[in-house]
């Protein structure tokens, strides 16, 4: 496991409604996921084509995520941020 890079700016945070220990953070350094309530972080979404601005989760199916990127594109993951597809 890892940590957020030093001096990371976080623009958006989303918490899984079913598993609240799972938290996502988005910002200029990328997209990160924590499975232990923020104690450790792993990068996810490396294949996203631009910097993430905001992230949100479906409240009923929190494995479905949407990310707004700095280029104004929207990307969707249906598997908890393992893979991403354009939602535009």
C-alpha atoms as a PDB file:
ATOM      1  CA  UNK A   1       0.000   0.000   0.000  1.00  0.00           C
ATOM      2  CA  UNK A   2       1.004   3.556  -0.419  1.00  0.00           C
ATOM      3  CA  UNK A   3       0.169   7.058   0.513  1.00  0.00           C
ATOM      4  CA  UNK A   4      -0.945  10.174  -1.276  1.00  0.00           C
ATOM      5  CA  UNK A   5       2.004  12.036  -2.781  1.00  0.00           C
ATOM      6  CA  UNK A   6       3.425  14.751  -0.509  1.00  0.00           C
ATOM      7  CA  UNK A   7       1.616  18.104  -0.844  1.00  0.00           C
ATOM      8  CA  UNK A   8      -1.209  16.517  -2.852  1.00  0.00           C
ATOM      9  CA  UNK A   9      -4.104  18.826  -3.617  1.00  0.00           C
ATOM     10  CA  UNK A  10      -7.400  16.965  -3.346  1.00  0.00           C
ATOM     11  CA  UNK A  11     -10.260  18.566  -5.241  1.00  0.00           C
ATOM     12  CA  UNK A  12     -12.906  15.934  -4.662  1.00  0.00           C
ATOM     13  CA  UNK A  13     -13.570  13.072  -2.254  1.00  0.00           C
ATOM     14  CA  UNK A  14     -16.205  10.338  -2.529  1.00  0.00           C
ATOM     15  CA  UNK A  15     -17.087   7.766   0.127  1.00  0.00           C
ATOM     16  CA  UNK A  16     -18.636   4.374  -0.654  1.00  0.00           C
ATOM     17  CA  UNK A  17     -22.124   4.302   0.900  1.00  0.00           C
ATOM     18  CA  UNK A  18     -22.048   0.535   1.477  1.00  0.00           C
ATOM     19  CA  UNK A  19     -18.390   0.166   2.485  1.00  0.00           C
ATOM     20  CA  UNK A  20     -17.487   3.515   4.086  1.00  0.00           C
ATOM     21  CA  UNK A  21     -13.870   2.437   4.565  1.00  0.00           C
ATOM     22  CA  UNK A  22     -13.507   2.772   0.775  1.00  0.00           C
ATOM     23  CA  UNK A  23     -12.735   6.372  -0.126  1.00  0.00           C
ATOM     24  CA  UNK A  24     -11.730   7.966  -3.440  1.00  0.00           C
ATOM     25  CA  UNK A  25      -9.730  11.186  -3.849  1.00  0.00           C
ATOM     26  CA  UNK A  26      -9.268  13.139  -7.090  1.00  0.00           C
ATOM     27  CA  UNK A  27      -6.889  15.969  -7.860  1.00  0.00           C
ATOM     28  CA  UNK A  28      -3.929  17.121  -9.959  1.00  0.00           C
ATOM     29  CA  UNK A  29      -1.832  14.129  -8.862  1.00  0.00           C
ATOM     30  CA  UNK A  30      -4.508  11.731 -10.159  1.00  0.00           C
ATOM     31  CA  UNK A  31      -7.162   9.471  -8.754  1.00  0.00           C
ATOM     32  CA  UNK A  32      -6.560   7.430  -5.607  1.00  0.00           C
ATOM     33  CA  UNK A  33      -8.508   4.796  -3.661  1.00  0.00           C
ATOM     34  CA  UNK A  34      -8.259   3.875  -0.001  1.00  0.00           C
ATOM     35  CA  UNK A  35      -9.795   0.690   1.399  1.00  0.00           C
ATOM     36  CA  UNK A  36      -8.941   1.532   5.006  1.00  0.00           C
ATOM     37  CA  UNK A  37     -10.628   4.908   5.568  1.00  0.00           C
ATOM     38  CA  UNK A  38      -7.690   6.933   4.286  1.00  0.00           C
ATOM     39  CA  UNK A  39      -4.843   5.271   6.160  1.00  0.00           C
ATOM     40  CA  UNK A  40      -3.242   4.110   2.903  1.00  0.00           C
ATOM     41  CA  UNK A  41      -3.888   5.012  -0.738  1.00  0.00           C
ATOM     42  CA  UNK A  42      -3.292   3.382  -4.104  1.00  0.00           C
ATOM     43  CA  UNK A  43      -3.384   5.145  -7.459  1.00  0.00           C
ATOM     44  CA  UNK A  44      -6.176   4.110  -9.785  1.00  0.00           C
ATOM     45  CA  UNK A  45      -7.373   5.385 -13.127  1.00  0.00           C
ATOM     46  CA  UNK A  46      -3.947   5.698 -14.704  1.00  0.00           C
ATOM     47  CA  UNK A  47      -5.593   5.237 -18.117  1.00  0.00           C
ATOM     48  CA  UNK A  48      -7.723   8.374 -17.717  1.00  0.00           C
ATOM     49  CA  UNK A  49      -6.630  10.807 -20.442  1.00  0.00           C
ATOM     50  CA  UNK A  50      -6.578  13.967 -18.299  1.00  0.00           C
ATOM     51  CA  UNK A  51      -6.410  15.239 -14.741  1.00  0.00           C
ATOM     52  CA  UNK A  52      -9.471  14.427 -12.594  1.00  0.00           C
ATOM     53  CA  UNK A  53     -11.444  17.357 -11.196  1.00  0.00           C
ATOM     54  CA  UNK A  54     -14.307  15.624  -9.412  1.00  0.00           C
ATOM     55  CA  UNK A  55     -15.519  12.150  -8.554  1.00  0.00           C
ATOM     56  CA  UNK A  56     -18.909  10.827  -7.509  1.00  0.00           C
ATOM     57  CA  UNK A  57     -20.343   7.394  -6.823  1.00  0.00           C
ATOM     58  CA  UNK A  58     -23.762   5.941  -7.490  1.00  0.00           C
ATOM     59  CA  UNK A  59     -25.344   5.819  -3.993  1.00  0.00           C
ATOM     60  CA  UNK A  60     -27.134   2.520  -4.689  1.00  0.00           C
ATOM     61  CA  UNK A  61     -24.311   0.816  -6.617  1.00  0.00           C
ATOM     62  CA  UNK A  62     -21.112   2.434  -5.308  1.00  0.00           C
ATOM     63  CA  UNK A  63     -18.923   0.304  -7.589  1.00  0.00           C
ATOM     64  CA  UNK A  64     -20.211   2.639 -10.338  1.00  0.00           C
ATOM     65  CA  UNK A  65     -18.144   5.842 -10.344  1.00  0.00           C
ATOM     66  CA  UNK A  66     -18.111   8.940 -12.510  1.00  0.00           C
ATOM     67  CA  UNK A  67     -15.124  11.249 -12.893  1.00  0.00           C
ATOM     68  CA  UNK A  68     -15.099  14.711 -14.456  1.00  0.00           C
ATOM     69  CA  UNK A  69     -11.736  15.466 -16.023  1.00  0.00           C
ATOM     70  CA  UNK A  70     -10.046  18.829 -16.564  1.00  0.00           C
ATOM     71  CA  UNK A  71     -10.806  18.554 -20.301  1.00  0.00           C
ATOM     72  CA  UNK A  72     -14.555  18.473 -19.401  1.00  0.00           C
ATOM     73  CA  UNK A  73     -14.928  14.827 -20.386  1.00  0.00           C
ATOM     74  CA  UNK A  74     -16.781  12.411 -18.127  1.00  0.00           C
ATOM     75  CA  UNK A  75     -15.560   8.866 -17.537  1.00  0.00           C
ATOM     76  CA  UNK A  76     -17.392   5.953 -15.894  1.00  0.00           C
ATOM     77  CA  UNK A  77     -16.189   2.872 -14.057  1.00  0.00           C
ATOM     78  CA  UNK A  78     -18.554   0.019 -13.296  1.00  0.00           C
ATOM     79  CA  UNK A  79     -15.993  -2.040 -11.378  1.00  0.00           C
ATOM     80  CA  UNK A  80     -14.826   0.174  -8.525  1.00  0.00           C
ATOM     81  CA  UNK A  81     -12.249   2.159 -10.546  1.00  0.00           C
ATOM     82  CA  UNK A  82     -10.431  -0.869 -12.009  1.00  0.00           C
ATOM     83  CA  UNK A  83     -11.318   0.123 -15.586  1.00  0.00           C
ATOM     84  CA  UNK A  84     -12.763   3.248 -17.192  1.00  0.00           C
ATOM     85  CA  UNK A  85     -14.875   4.073 -20.259  1.00  0.00           C
ATOM     86  CA  UNK A  86     -15.829   7.421 -21.708  1.00  0.00           C
ATOM     87  CA  UNK A  87     -19.341   8.432 -20.618  1.00  0.00           C
ATOM     88  CA  UNK A  88     -19.559  11.307 -23.116  1.00  0.00           C
END
